[in-house]
C-alpha atoms as a PDB file:
ATOM      1  CA  MET A   1      -5.020  10.852  15.908  1.00  0.00           C
ATOM      2  CA  LYS A   2      -7.491   9.397  18.370  1.00  0.00           C
ATOM      3  CA  PRO A   3      -8.977   6.473  16.832  1.00  0.00           C
ATOM      4  CA  PRO A   4     -12.868   6.232  17.065  1.00  0.00           C
ATOM      5  CA  ILE A   5     -14.316   4.666  20.128  1.00  0.00           C
ATOM      6  CA  GLU A   6     -16.344   2.344  18.104  1.00  0.00           C
ATOM      7  CA  LEU A   7     -13.405   0.999  16.630  1.00  0.00           C
ATOM      8  CA  LEU A   8     -11.642   0.349  20.128  1.00  0.00           C
ATOM      9  CA  ASP A   9     -14.980  -1.139  21.317  1.00  0.00           C
ATOM     10  CA  PHE A  10     -15.052  -3.352  18.233  1.00  0.00           C
ATOM     11  CA  LEU A  11     -11.470  -4.497  18.631  1.00  0.00           C
ATOM     12  CA  LYS A  12     -12.000  -5.208  22.352  1.00  0.00           C
ATOM     13  CA  THR A  13     -15.064  -6.877  21.957  1.00  0.00           C
ATOM     14  CA  GLU A  14     -15.283  -9.048  18.807  1.00  0.00           C
ATOM     15  CA  ASP A  15     -12.716 -12.121  17.914  1.00  0.00           C
ATOM     16  CA  ARG A  16     -11.554 -13.675  14.559  1.00  0.00           C
ATOM     17  CA  PHE A  17     -10.698 -10.857  12.403  1.00  0.00           C
ATOM     18  CA  VAL A  18      -9.699 -10.855   8.985  1.00  0.00           C
ATOM     19  CA  ILE A  19      -7.371  -7.998   8.042  1.00  0.00           C
ATOM     20  CA  ALA A  20      -7.062  -7.367   4.565  1.00  0.00           C
ATOM     21  CA  THR A  21      -5.018  -4.559   2.571  1.00  0.00           C
ATOM     22  CA  HIS A  22      -4.972  -3.631  -1.010  1.00  0.00           C
ATOM     23  CA  ILE A  23      -3.778  -5.617  -4.390  1.00  0.00           C
ATOM     24  CA  ASN A  24      -0.140  -5.061  -5.403  1.00  0.00           C
ATOM     25  CA  PRO A  25       0.810  -4.469  -1.763  1.00  0.00           C
ATOM     26  CA  ASP A  26       3.205  -2.115  -0.363  1.00  0.00           C
ATOM     27  CA  GLY A  27       5.354  -1.856   3.045  1.00  0.00           C
ATOM     28  CA  ASP A  28       2.631   0.384   4.460  1.00  0.00           C
ATOM     29  CA  GLY A  29      -0.227  -1.962   3.931  1.00  0.00           C
ATOM     30  CA  ILE A  30       1.720  -5.108   4.784  1.00  0.00           C
ATOM     31  CA  GLY A  31       3.600  -3.411   7.503  1.00  0.00           C
ATOM     32  CA  SER A  32       0.148  -1.917   9.335  1.00  0.00           C
ATOM     33  CA  ALA A  33      -1.714  -4.962   8.682  1.00  0.00           C
ATOM     34  CA  ILE A  34       0.971  -7.556  10.493  1.00  0.00           C
ATOM     35  CA  ALA A  35       1.477  -4.796  13.331  1.00  0.00           C
ATOM     36  CA  LEU A  36      -2.465  -4.534  13.982  1.00  0.00           C
ATOM     37  CA  SER A  37      -2.433  -8.297  14.010  1.00  0.00           C
ATOM     38  CA  GLU A  38       0.333  -9.116  16.348  1.00  0.00           C
ATOM     39  CA  ALA A  39      -1.306  -6.599  18.910  1.00  0.00           C
ATOM     40  CA  LEU A  40      -4.672  -8.224  18.688  1.00  0.00           C
ATOM     41  CA  LYS A  41      -2.875 -11.500  19.527  1.00  0.00           C
ATOM     42  CA  GLN A  42      -1.673  -9.874  22.636  1.00  0.00           C
ATOM     43  CA  MET A  43      -5.261  -9.244  23.665  1.00  0.00           C
ATOM     44  CA  GLY A  44      -5.775 -12.968  22.591  1.00  0.00           C
ATOM     45  CA  LYS A  45      -7.658 -12.409  19.484  1.00  0.00           C
ATOM     46  CA  ARG A  46      -7.317 -14.480  16.614  1.00  0.00           C
ATOM     47  CA  THR A  47      -6.639 -12.860  13.076  1.00  0.00           C
ATOM     48  CA  LEU A  48      -6.360 -13.894   9.585  1.00  0.00           C
ATOM     49  CA  LEU A  49      -4.179 -11.880   7.220  1.00  0.00           C
ATOM     50  CA  LEU A  50      -5.198 -11.785   3.714  1.00  0.00           C
ATOM     51  CA  CYS A  51      -4.295 -10.018   0.319  1.00  0.00           C
ATOM     52  CA  ARG A  52      -5.187 -10.948  -3.058  1.00  0.00           C
ATOM     53  CA  ASP A  53      -1.449 -10.841  -4.181  1.00  0.00           C
ATOM     54  CA  ALA A  54       1.793 -12.315  -2.444  1.00  0.00           C
ATOM     55  CA  VAL A  55       3.681 -10.199  -0.424  1.00  0.00           C
ATOM     56  CA  PRO A  56       6.724  -8.573  -2.039  1.00  0.00           C
ATOM     57  CA  TYR A  57      10.065  -9.585  -1.850  1.00  0.00           C
ATOM     58  CA  ILE A  58      11.439  -6.316  -0.572  1.00  0.00           C
ATOM     59  CA  CYS A  59       8.838  -6.606   2.621  1.00  0.00           C
ATOM     60  CA  LYS A  60       9.649 -10.568   3.331  1.00  0.00           C
ATOM     61  CA  TYR A  61      12.180  -9.315   6.170  1.00  0.00           C
ATOM     62  CA  LEU A  62       9.107  -8.180   8.019  1.00  0.00           C
ATOM     63  CA  PRO A  63       8.454 -10.452  11.140  1.00  0.00           C
ATOM     64  CA  GLY A  64       5.119 -12.008  10.525  1.00  0.00           C
ATOM     65  CA  SER A  65       4.697 -11.443   6.779  1.00  0.00           C
ATOM     66  CA  ASP A  66       4.854 -15.381   6.016  1.00  0.00           C
ATOM     67  CA  ARG A  67       1.498 -15.656   7.788  1.00  0.00           C
ATOM     68  CA  PHE A  68      -0.164 -13.869   4.765  1.00  0.00           C
ATOM     69  CA  PHE A  69      -2.942 -15.684   2.863  1.00  0.00           C
ATOM     70  CA  THR A  70      -3.558 -15.076  -0.735  1.00  0.00           C
ATOM     71  CA  TYR A  71      -7.431 -15.675  -2.466  1.00  0.00           C
ATOM     72  CA  GLU A  72      -6.063 -18.792  -3.483  1.00  0.00           C
ATOM     73  CA  THR A  73      -4.065 -20.208  -0.306  1.00  0.00           C
ATOM     74  CA  VAL A  74      -7.005 -19.370   2.124  1.00  0.00           C
ATOM     75  CA  LYS A  75      -9.472 -21.637   0.654  1.00  0.00           C
ATOM     76  CA  THR A  76      -7.187 -24.525   1.672  1.00  0.00           C
ATOM     77  CA  ALA A  77      -6.624 -23.049   5.134  1.00  0.00           C
ATOM     78  CA  ALA A  78      -7.910 -24.346   8.215  1.00  0.00           C
ATOM     79  CA  ALA A  79     -11.514 -25.964   8.681  1.00  0.00           C
ATOM     80  CA  ASP A  80     -12.968 -23.260  11.073  1.00  0.00           C
ATOM     81  CA  ILE A  81     -11.849 -20.257   8.663  1.00  0.00           C
ATOM     82  CA  SER A  82     -15.614 -19.609   7.877  1.00  0.00           C
ATOM     83  CA  SER A  83     -15.872 -18.341  11.549  1.00  0.00           C
ATOM     84  CA  TYR A  84     -14.069 -15.365  10.915  1.00  0.00           C
ATOM     85  CA  LYS A  85     -16.792 -13.085  10.651  1.00  0.00           C
ATOM     86  CA  ASN A  86     -15.401  -9.310  11.440  1.00  0.00           C
ATOM     87  CA  LEU A  87     -13.418  -7.858   8.284  1.00  0.00           C
ATOM     88  CA  ILE A  88     -10.738  -5.122   8.886  1.00  0.00           C
ATOM     89  CA  LEU A  89      -9.346  -3.150   5.614  1.00  0.00           C
ATOM     90  CA  VAL A  90      -6.262  -1.597   6.372  1.00  0.00           C
ATOM     91  CA  ASP A  91      -4.528   0.966   4.128  1.00  0.00           C
ATOM     92  CA  CYS A  92      -7.535   0.685   1.723  1.00  0.00           C
ATOM     93  CA  ASN A  93     -11.256   1.906   2.055  1.00  0.00           C
ATOM     94  CA  HIS A  94     -13.442  -0.611   0.170  1.00  0.00           C
ATOM     95  CA  PRO A  95     -13.230  -4.142  -1.215  1.00  0.00           C
ATOM     96  CA  SER A  96     -12.866  -3.100  -4.434  1.00  0.00           C
ATOM     97  CA  ARG A  97      -9.065  -2.134  -3.700  1.00  0.00           C
ATOM     98  CA  THR A  98      -8.398  -5.723  -2.247  1.00  0.00           C
ATOM     99  CA  GLY A  99      -9.877  -7.294  -4.878  1.00  0.00           C
ATOM    100  CA  MET A 100     -12.163  -9.121  -2.944  1.00  0.00           C
ATOM    101  CA  ASP A 101     -15.445  -8.138  -4.438  1.00  0.00           C
ATOM    102  CA  LYS A 102     -14.694 -10.013  -7.797  1.00  0.00           C
ATOM    103  CA  VAL A 103     -14.109 -13.186  -5.874  1.00  0.00           C
ATOM    104  CA  ASN A 104     -16.799 -15.556  -5.100  1.00  0.00           C
ATOM    105  CA  ASP A 105     -15.571 -18.375  -3.475  1.00  0.00           C
ATOM    106  CA  ILE A 106     -13.459 -16.817  -0.604  1.00  0.00           C
ATOM    107  CA  PRO A 107     -15.160 -18.822   2.295  1.00  0.00           C
ATOM    108  CA  PHE A 108     -16.070 -15.876   4.605  1.00  0.00           C
ATOM    109  CA  ASP A 109     -19.481 -14.710   5.931  1.00  0.00           C
ATOM    110  CA  ILE A 110     -18.426 -11.351   6.917  1.00  0.00           C
ATOM    111  CA  ARG A 111     -21.022  -9.663   9.431  1.00  0.00           C
ATOM    112  CA  LYS A 112     -19.309  -6.740  10.684  1.00  0.00           C
ATOM    113  CA  SER A 113     -16.543  -4.232   8.703  1.00  0.00           C
ATOM    114  CA  ALA A 114     -14.045  -1.828   9.706  1.00  0.00           C
ATOM    115  CA  VAL A 115     -11.866   0.427   7.809  1.00  0.00           C
ATOM    116  CA  ILE A 116      -8.301   2.183   8.774  1.00  0.00           C
ATOM    117  CA  ASP A 117      -7.061   4.352   5.753  1.00  0.00           C
ATOM    118  CA  HIS A 118      -5.331   7.526   5.190  1.00  0.00           C
ATOM    119  CA  HIS A 119      -6.138   8.257   1.400  1.00  0.00           C
ATOM    120  CA  GLU A 120      -7.736  11.281  -0.052  1.00  0.00           C
ATOM    121  CA  THR A 121      -9.900   9.186  -2.211  1.00  0.00           C
ATOM    122  CA  ASP A 122     -12.259   7.040   0.015  1.00  0.00           C
ATOM    123  CA  ARG A 123     -15.811   5.526  -0.442  1.00  0.00           C
ATOM    124  CA  ASP A 124     -18.805   4.865   1.926  1.00  0.00           C
ATOM    125  CA  TYR A 125     -17.724   1.321   3.453  1.00  0.00           C
ATOM    126  CA  GLY A 126     -17.488   0.010   6.377  1.00  0.00           C
ATOM    127  CA  ASP A 127     -19.694  -0.266   9.559  1.00  0.00           C
ATOM    128  CA  ILE A 128     -16.790   1.422  11.460  1.00  0.00           C
ATOM    129  CA  ARG A 129     -14.491   3.905   9.401  1.00  0.00           C
ATOM    130  CA  TRP A 130     -11.280   5.577  10.461  1.00  0.00           C
ATOM    131  CA  ILE A 131     -10.022   7.655   7.414  1.00  0.00           C
ATOM    132  CA  ASN A 132      -7.425  10.518   8.172  1.00  0.00           C
ATOM    133  CA  ARG A 133      -6.165  11.864   5.170  1.00  0.00           C
ATOM    134  CA  GLU A 134      -3.707  13.987   7.072  1.00  0.00           C
ATOM    135  CA  ALA A 135      -1.665  10.870   8.300  1.00  0.00           C
ATOM    136  CA  PRO A 136       1.492  10.600   6.581  1.00  0.00           C
ATOM    137  CA  ALA A 137       1.075   6.750   6.492  1.00  0.00           C
ATOM    138  CA  THR A 138      -1.552   4.231   7.671  1.00  0.00           C
ATOM    139  CA  ALA A 139       1.161   2.670  10.211  1.00  0.00           C
ATOM    140  CA  MET A 140       1.171   5.826  11.761  1.00  0.00           C
ATOM    141  CA  MET A 141      -2.581   5.470  12.541  1.00  0.00           C
ATOM    142  CA  ILE A 142      -2.087   1.894  13.788  1.00  0.00           C
ATOM    143  CA  TYR A 143       0.741   3.017  16.133  1.00  0.00           C
ATOM    144  CA  ASP A 144      -2.009   5.563  17.757  1.00  0.00           C
ATOM    145  CA  LEU A 145      -4.696   2.776  17.607  1.00  0.00           C
ATOM    146  CA  LEU A 146      -1.980   0.452  19.662  1.00  0.00           C
ATOM    147  CA  LYS A 147      -1.583   3.161  22.180  1.00  0.00           C
ATOM    148  CA  GLU A 148      -4.858   3.279  22.780  1.00  0.00           C
ATOM    149  CA  LEU A 149      -5.330  -0.570  23.181  1.00  0.00           C
ATOM    150  CA  GLY A 150      -2.681  -0.487  25.394  1.00  0.00           C
ATOM    151  CA  THR A 151      -0.763  -3.267  23.968  1.00  0.00           C
ATOM    152  CA  ARG A 152       3.123  -3.746  24.155  1.00  0.00           C
ATOM    153  CA  MET A 153       5.378  -2.118  21.330  1.00  0.00           C
ATOM    154  CA  SER A 154       7.121  -5.465  20.871  1.00  0.00           C
ATOM    155  CA  LYS A 155      10.330  -5.332  18.708  1.00  0.00           C
ATOM    156  CA  ASP A 156       8.228  -7.069  15.728  1.00  0.00           C
ATOM    157  CA  ILE A 157       5.428  -4.618  16.001  1.00  0.00           C
ATOM    158  CA  ALA A 158       7.862  -1.870  15.824  1.00  0.00           C
ATOM    159  CA  ASP A 159       9.811  -3.144  12.599  1.00  0.00           C
ATOM    160  CA  ASN A 160       6.434  -3.361  10.946  1.00  0.00           C
ATOM    161  CA  ILE A 161       4.973   0.400  11.947  1.00  0.00           C
ATOM    162  CA  TYR A 162       8.506   1.700  11.128  1.00  0.00           C
ATOM    163  CA  ALA A 163       8.282   0.039   7.431  1.00  0.00           C
ATOM    164  CA  GLY A 164       5.010   1.639   6.639  1.00  0.00           C
ATOM    165  CA  ILE A 165       6.256   5.006   7.806  1.00  0.00           C
ATOM    166  CA  LEU A 166       9.620   4.799   5.857  1.00  0.00           C
ATOM    167  CA  VAL A 167       7.936   3.702   2.712  1.00  0.00           C
ATOM    168  CA  ASP A 168       5.213   6.436   2.558  1.00  0.00           C
ATOM    169  CA  THR A 169       7.515   9.290   3.683  1.00  0.00           C
ATOM    170  CA  GLY A 170       9.793   7.765   0.933  1.00  0.00           C
ATOM    171  CA  ASN A 171      12.570   7.255   3.526  1.00  0.00           C
ATOM    172  CA  PHE A 172      11.661  10.740   5.468  1.00  0.00           C
ATOM    173  CA  ARG A 173      12.095  12.721   2.320  1.00  0.00           C
ATOM    174  CA  HIS A 174       8.296  13.544   1.282  1.00  0.00           C
ATOM    175  CA  ASP A 175       6.764  16.618   2.738  1.00  0.00           C
ATOM    176  CA  ASN A 176       4.725  14.628   4.743  1.00  0.00           C
ATOM    177  CA  THR A 177       7.862  13.760   6.956  1.00  0.00           C
ATOM    178  CA  SER A 178       6.651  15.891  10.154  1.00  0.00           C
ATOM    179  CA  ALA A 179       8.600  16.399  13.348  1.00  0.00           C
ATOM    180  CA  GLU A 180       5.538  13.784  14.715  1.00  0.00           C
ATOM    181  CA  VAL A 181       6.732  11.413  12.201  1.00  0.00           C
ATOM    182  CA  LEU A 182      10.372  11.480  13.399  1.00  0.00           C
ATOM    183  CA  ARG A 183       9.729  11.607  17.201  1.00  0.00           C
ATOM    184  CA  ILE A 184       7.171   8.102  16.378  1.00  0.00           C
ATOM    185  CA  ALA A 185      10.252   6.790  14.274  1.00  0.00           C
ATOM    186  CA  ALA A 186      12.647   7.381  17.266  1.00  0.00           C
ATOM    187  CA  ASP A 187      10.028   5.504  19.521  1.00  0.00           C
ATOM    188  CA  LEU A 188      10.032   2.588  17.397  1.00  0.00           C
ATOM    189  CA  VAL A 189      13.900   2.517  17.104  1.00  0.00           C
ATOM    190  CA  ASP A 190      13.868   2.346  20.777  1.00  0.00           C
ATOM    191  CA  ALA A 191      11.547  -0.601  20.781  1.00  0.00           C
ATOM    192  CA  GLY A 192      13.807  -2.429  18.525  1.00  0.00           C
ATOM    193  CA  ALA A 193      12.930  -1.373  14.983  1.00  0.00           C
ATOM    194  CA  GLN A 194      16.086  -1.445  12.816  1.00  0.00           C
ATOM    195  CA  PRO A 195      16.731   1.257  10.560  1.00  0.00           C
ATOM    196  CA  THR A 196      19.463   0.200   8.568  1.00  0.00           C
ATOM    197  CA  GLN A 197      17.902  -3.279   7.803  1.00  0.00           C
ATOM    198  CA  ALA A 198      14.966  -1.556   7.159  1.00  0.00           C
ATOM    199  CA  TYR A 199      16.482   0.846   4.353  1.00  0.00           C
ATOM    200  CA  ARG A 200      18.392  -2.007   2.729  1.00  0.00           C
ATOM    201  CA  SER A 201      15.680  -4.149   2.206  1.00  0.00           C
ATOM    202  CA  LEU A 202      12.805  -1.594   1.066  1.00  0.00           C
ATOM    203  CA  PHE A 203      15.404   0.483  -1.150  1.00  0.00           C
ATOM    204  CA  GLU A 204      18.454  -1.298  -1.668  1.00  0.00           C
ATOM    205  CA  SER A 205      17.746  -5.182  -2.577  1.00  0.00           C
ATOM    206  CA  TRP A 206      17.250  -4.888  -6.436  1.00  0.00           C
ATOM    207  CA  SER A 207      18.246  -7.961  -8.331  1.00  0.00           C
ATOM    208  CA  ASN A 208      20.666  -7.724 -11.589  1.00  0.00           C
ATOM    209  CA  GLY A 209      17.024  -8.425 -13.385  1.00  0.00           C
ATOM    210  CA  ARG A 210      15.542  -5.403 -11.688  1.00  0.00           C
ATOM    211  CA  PHE A 211      18.361  -3.172 -12.573  1.00  0.00           C
ATOM    212  CA  LEU A 212      18.203  -4.140 -15.986  1.00  0.00           C
ATOM    213  CA  LEU A 213      14.722  -3.910 -16.122  1.00  0.00           C
ATOM    214  CA  PHE A 214      15.033  -0.075 -14.733  1.00  0.00           C
ATOM    215  CA  ILE A 215      17.384   0.752 -17.462  1.00  0.00           C
ATOM    216  CA  LYS A 216      14.867  -0.473 -20.073  1.00  0.00           C
ATOM    217  CA  THR A 217      12.120   1.727 -18.512  1.00  0.00           C
ATOM    218  CA  LEU A 218      14.505   4.741 -18.562  1.00  0.00           C
ATOM    219  CA  ASP A 219      15.021   4.160 -22.527  1.00  0.00           C
ATOM    220  CA  THR A 220      11.129   4.575 -22.762  1.00  0.00           C
ATOM    221  CA  MET A 221      10.863   8.068 -21.312  1.00  0.00           C
ATOM    222  CA  GLU A 222       9.056  10.892 -22.815  1.00  0.00           C
ATOM    223  CA  ILE A 223       9.211  14.276 -21.181  1.00  0.00           C
ATOM    224  CA  LYS A 224       6.965  17.254 -22.086  1.00  0.00           C
ATOM    225  CA  ASP A 225       5.549  20.322 -20.232  1.00  0.00           C
ATOM    226  CA  GLY A 226       6.952  19.215 -17.136  1.00  0.00           C
ATOM    227  CA  ILE A 227       5.531  15.939 -17.203  1.00  0.00           C
ATOM    228  CA  ALA A 228       7.645  12.556 -17.567  1.00  0.00           C
ATOM    229  CA  MET A 229       6.260   9.411 -18.770  1.00  0.00           C
ATOM    230  CA  VAL A 230       7.890   5.708 -18.533  1.00  0.00           C
ATOM    231  CA  THR A 231       6.460   2.564 -19.593  1.00  0.00           C
ATOM    232  CA  ILE A 232       6.814  -1.123 -19.033  1.00  0.00           C
ATOM    233  CA  THR A 233       5.600  -3.797 -20.969  1.00  0.00           C
ATOM    234  CA  LYS A 234       5.018  -7.696 -20.575  1.00  0.00           C
ATOM    235  CA  LYS A 235       7.859  -8.250 -23.015  1.00  0.00           C
ATOM    236  CA  MET A 236      10.309  -6.054 -20.692  1.00  0.00           C
ATOM    237  CA  PHE A 237       9.751  -8.432 -17.894  1.00  0.00           C
ATOM    238  CA  GLU A 238      10.102 -11.504 -19.877  1.00  0.00           C
ATOM    239  CA  GLU A 239      13.553 -10.035 -21.436  1.00  0.00           C
ATOM    240  CA  THR A 240      14.703  -9.328 -17.807  1.00  0.00           C
ATOM    241  CA  GLY A 241      13.040 -12.139 -15.846  1.00  0.00           C
ATOM    242  CA  THR A 242      11.323  -9.938 -13.560  1.00  0.00           C
ATOM    243  CA  THR A 243       7.992  -9.073 -12.430  1.00  0.00           C
ATOM    244  CA  ALA A 244       5.533  -6.411 -11.406  1.00  0.00           C
ATOM    245  CA  ASP A 245       7.433  -6.654  -7.720  1.00  0.00           C
ATOM    246  CA  ASP A 246      10.735  -5.281  -9.461  1.00  0.00           C
ATOM    247  CA  THR A 247       8.623  -2.089 -10.542  1.00  0.00           C
ATOM    248  CA  GLU A 248       8.428  -0.621  -6.745  1.00  0.00           C
ATOM    249  CA  ASN A 249       9.421   2.967  -6.383  1.00  0.00           C
ATOM    250  CA  PHE A 250      10.598   3.388 -10.457  1.00  0.00           C
ATOM    251  CA  VAL A 251       7.879   5.966 -10.575  1.00  0.00           C
ATOM    252  CA  GLU A 252       9.670   7.985  -8.144  1.00  0.00           C
ATOM    253  CA  PHE A 253      12.887   8.488 -10.154  1.00  0.00           C
ATOM    254  CA  PRO A 254      11.599  10.888 -13.115  1.00  0.00           C
ATOM    255  CA  ARG A 255      10.634  13.328 -10.391  1.00  0.00           C
ATOM    256  CA  ILE A 256      14.083  13.822  -9.261  1.00  0.00           C
ATOM    257  CA  MET A 257      14.641  16.179 -12.198  1.00  0.00           C
ATOM    258  CA  LYS A 258      13.847  19.768 -11.060  1.00  0.00           C
ATOM    259  CA  ASP A 259      11.878  20.794 -13.977  1.00  0.00           C
ATOM    260  CA  ILE A 260       9.602  17.587 -13.824  1.00  0.00           C
ATOM    261  CA  ASN A 261       6.268  17.990 -11.825  1.00  0.00           C
ATOM    262  CA  VAL A 262       4.528  15.099 -12.795  1.00  0.00           C
ATOM    263  CA  SER A 263       5.843  11.541 -13.044  1.00  0.00           C
ATOM    264  CA  VAL A 264       3.919   8.865 -14.897  1.00  0.00           C
ATOM    265  CA  PHE A 265       4.546   5.109 -14.854  1.00  0.00           C
ATOM    266  CA  LEU A 266       2.648   2.935 -17.100  1.00  0.00           C
ATOM    267  CA  ARG A 267       2.706  -0.709 -16.518  1.00  0.00           C
ATOM    268  CA  GLU A 268       1.173  -3.340 -18.977  1.00  0.00           C
ATOM    269  CA  MET A 269      -1.303  -5.911 -17.436  1.00  0.00           C
ATOM    270  CA  ASP A 270      -2.285  -9.329 -18.574  1.00  0.00           C
ATOM    271  CA  SER A 271      -5.821  -7.887 -19.261  1.00  0.00           C
ATOM    272  CA  ASP A 272      -6.383  -5.233 -21.497  1.00  0.00           C
ATOM    273  CA  GLY A 273      -4.860  -2.089 -20.266  1.00  0.00           C
ATOM    274  CA  TYR A 274      -2.346  -0.567 -18.105  1.00  0.00           C
ATOM    275  CA  LYS A 275      -1.453  -0.019 -14.435  1.00  0.00           C
ATOM    276  CA  VAL A 276      -0.803   3.651 -13.995  1.00  0.00           C
ATOM    277  CA  SER A 277       1.134   5.113 -10.919  1.00  0.00           C
ATOM    278  CA  LEU A 278       1.183   8.785 -10.550  1.00  0.00           C
ATOM    279  CA  ARG A 279       3.282  11.095  -8.468  1.00  0.00           C
ATOM    280  CA  SER A 280       3.614  14.682  -8.462  1.00  0.00           C
ATOM    281  CA  LYS A 281       5.283  17.921  -6.583  1.00  0.00           C
ATOM    282  CA  GLY A 282       4.092  20.691  -4.420  1.00  0.00           C
ATOM    283  CA  GLY A 283       0.214  21.403  -5.036  1.00  0.00           C
ATOM    284  CA  PHE A 284      -0.472  19.458  -7.996  1.00  0.00           C
ATOM    285  CA  ASN A 285      -2.861  16.842  -7.189  1.00  0.00           C
ATOM    286  CA  VAL A 286      -2.958  13.397  -8.721  1.00  0.00           C
ATOM    287  CA  ALA A 287      -5.426  11.818  -6.642  1.00  0.00           C
ATOM    288  CA  LYS A 288      -7.871  13.621  -8.330  1.00  0.00           C
ATOM    289  CA  ILE A 289      -7.002  12.241 -11.964  1.00  0.00           C
ATOM    290  CA  ALA A 290      -6.609   8.539 -10.703  1.00  0.00           C
ATOM    291  CA  ALA A 291      -9.993   9.045  -9.303  1.00  0.00           C
ATOM    292  CA  GLU A 292     -11.360  10.031 -12.821  1.00  0.00           C
ATOM    293  CA  PHE A 293     -10.092   6.544 -13.832  1.00  0.00           C
ATOM    294  CA  GLY A 294     -11.689   5.018 -10.810  1.00  0.00           C
ATOM    295  CA  GLY A 295      -8.400   4.852  -8.736  1.00  0.00           C
ATOM    296  CA  GLY A 296      -7.405   6.986  -5.977  1.00  0.00           C
ATOM    297  CA  GLY A 297      -4.613   7.757  -3.363  1.00  0.00           C
ATOM    298  CA  HIS A 298      -2.942  10.853  -2.005  1.00  0.00           C
ATOM    299  CA  LYS A 299      -2.330  14.288  -3.376  1.00  0.00           C
ATOM    300  CA  ASN A 300       1.235  13.732  -4.561  1.00  0.00           C
ATOM    301  CA  ALA A 301       1.020   9.758  -4.744  1.00  0.00           C
ATOM    302  CA  ALA A 302      -1.944   8.157  -6.722  1.00  0.00           C
ATOM    303  CA  GLY A 303      -2.894   5.268  -8.900  1.00  0.00           C
ATOM    304  CA  CYS A 304      -5.398   3.641 -11.507  1.00  0.00           C
ATOM    305  CA  THR A 305      -5.847   1.331 -14.219  1.00  0.00           C
ATOM    306  CA  VAL A 306      -6.533   2.563 -17.875  1.00  0.00           C
ATOM    307  CA  LYS A 307      -8.040   0.446 -20.597  1.00  0.00           C
ATOM    308  CA  GLY A 308      -7.186   0.332 -23.916  1.00  0.00           C
ATOM    309  CA  ASP A 309      -3.783   0.151 -25.789  1.00  0.00           C
ATOM    310  CA  LEU A 310      -0.511   1.961 -24.822  1.00  0.00           C
ATOM    311  CA  GLN A 311      -1.413   5.179 -26.828  1.00  0.00           C
ATOM    312  CA  THR A 312      -4.905   5.305 -25.972  1.00  0.00           C
ATOM    313  CA  ALA A 313      -3.506   5.105 -22.289  1.00  0.00           C
ATOM    314  CA  LYS A 314      -1.066   7.608 -22.665  1.00  0.00           C
ATOM    315  CA  ARG A 315      -3.240   9.823 -24.422  1.00  0.00           C
ATOM    316  CA  GLU A 316      -6.019   9.709 -21.822  1.00  0.00           C
ATOM    317  CA  ILE A 317      -3.750  10.271 -18.725  1.00  0.00           C
ATOM    318  CA  LEU A 318      -1.691  13.017 -20.465  1.00  0.00           C
ATOM    319  CA  SER A 319      -5.164  14.999 -21.439  1.00  0.00           C
ATOM    320  CA  ARG A 320      -6.338  14.878 -17.775  1.00  0.00           C
ATOM    321  CA  ILE A 321      -3.089  16.095 -16.247  1.00  0.00           C
ATOM    322  CA  LYS A 322      -3.181  18.842 -18.691  1.00  0.00           C
ATOM    323  CA  ALA A 323      -6.500  19.685 -18.050  1.00  0.00           C
ATOM    324  CA  SER A 324      -5.971  19.876 -14.356  1.00  0.00           C
END
């Protein structure tokens, strides 16, 4: 996966980069952003890591995760923050996926932008665009980018890239787990990445409250025509003392059943509507369904938001799935 020359020149010649990832960040977005930031630091560049939402607790083991600013904390950052005029979007392809387009008082004056992403659905944003829909994870693209830049594969960088690959391949279980993925994973382990720590932090760090929330979520399951749908309400969060961070990977579990082709997870938002996560098997493309609601993702893993009450959200999502 060769990065474009324009991207390499941009990183080599410019300085003061804002590196931003998508809302509700995951291990691929967080790990890719940190790894790129660490490599640019080796090159003497200054970077600022930015995300609308806080780093989820399962990713806080990653070295460098404490360097992220949210949209609120960045407003009180160093006085020279307005001098950061270069934007890099990582694991997303448009400011709307970061929530940045709805914030008017972030103190940046961006002059040039670059996009590094692997999602199937994309938009025409960025002065420099590197979109590789075949890449199993954005972290894989960052790995190749750092090789081209000639930066050292430190342990901290290896840990972050490994986390991104682990999350987006489902711990090397999904169809996107290729021989190249496993070769790169081995290289990262040689560089110091710790597979056991990564797996336990990302997949085996549930609190009692999260486990109780999971049980309540399974109790909502509805199954019909190879589609499994589960729901989480704000009341369920209150009853278990949990947050949206605690729902990571919940959508994956219904797909374990052999007769389920599509798994749908609906989470009630503070605003009017539901956050919808979609997972599928084989050739069923949920990214196309998500795109109809302004979302996106990959063929077998995508997400969007649907306005309205729960029954409306269920009805609209189900009708799109059945029509596909």
